[in-house]
Amino acid sequence: MTIITKVFFSHPDMALADTITGQSDVTIRVVPEVGTDPEHDMYFILVEGDDLSTFEAALEADHTVIESALRSEFERQCLYAVEFAPETKLLAPRVTEAGGLSLEAKGLNDGWMERWQLPSREALHSIWEHARETSFNFEILELYRHDDTTFGGSFGLTDEQREALVLAKTHGYFKEPRSFSLSELADELDISPTAASGRLRRGIDKLVQSTIIDEE
């Protein structure tokens, strides 16, 4: 059973330990699509902000960083390649060893908030054990199943339910005050208001079941 989990962790020797602290004006993310450069073990960090001079100064002085280089720049976003010191405490290799994927990694306050896809609860437990043994502050924020009904982001919704929810959201049905009525939604879907209401109700029920409630 595949699971999705959101975690927060921190450690004095974690990746970018000195850089993340105090960077409230910038957003720092690891680029999961790029991952690492296997020959040089370079991680790619996307940083967004109006003034990155403080970030770059902190990056230059960070005790966990051996080398860093600006790879690209576009408006308020910069992409940096970073090589970490051997003593840097990283959980990413443990996620990979456990057969998992890092879906998101974002610097938050004095730590990292990450979202992982893992093959089982046992895989998560092995990472948690390693984090505890290496003195990480480690918290599990969210945990839910990611089985066949949720694969690809469908969350078990039928095409009709998904269409109804997307139309309702984009046209303002869920806003307060509501700017799109149930009758207007029904007209868009070419069904009765009763049928439109049923699609929304069943779709929301499936979303709550798939994303919040863990049956186990």
Foldseek 3Di string as FASTA:
>chain_A
DKKKFKKKKADCQAPLQQLLAPPPFKKKWWDQVVAADVVQRKTKIKMFGDDCPSSVVSQVVPQQFDDKDWDDDDHRITIMITDTDPPRDDLVVLCVVQVKGWPIWIRDNRIIITMMIGPDVVSVVVSVVVCVVVVMPMDTDFMFDCDPCCPPNNLVADPLLVVLVVVCVVQQCVPVVGRADLCNSCVVVVHHSVVSVVSPVVSVVSVCCGGPDHPD
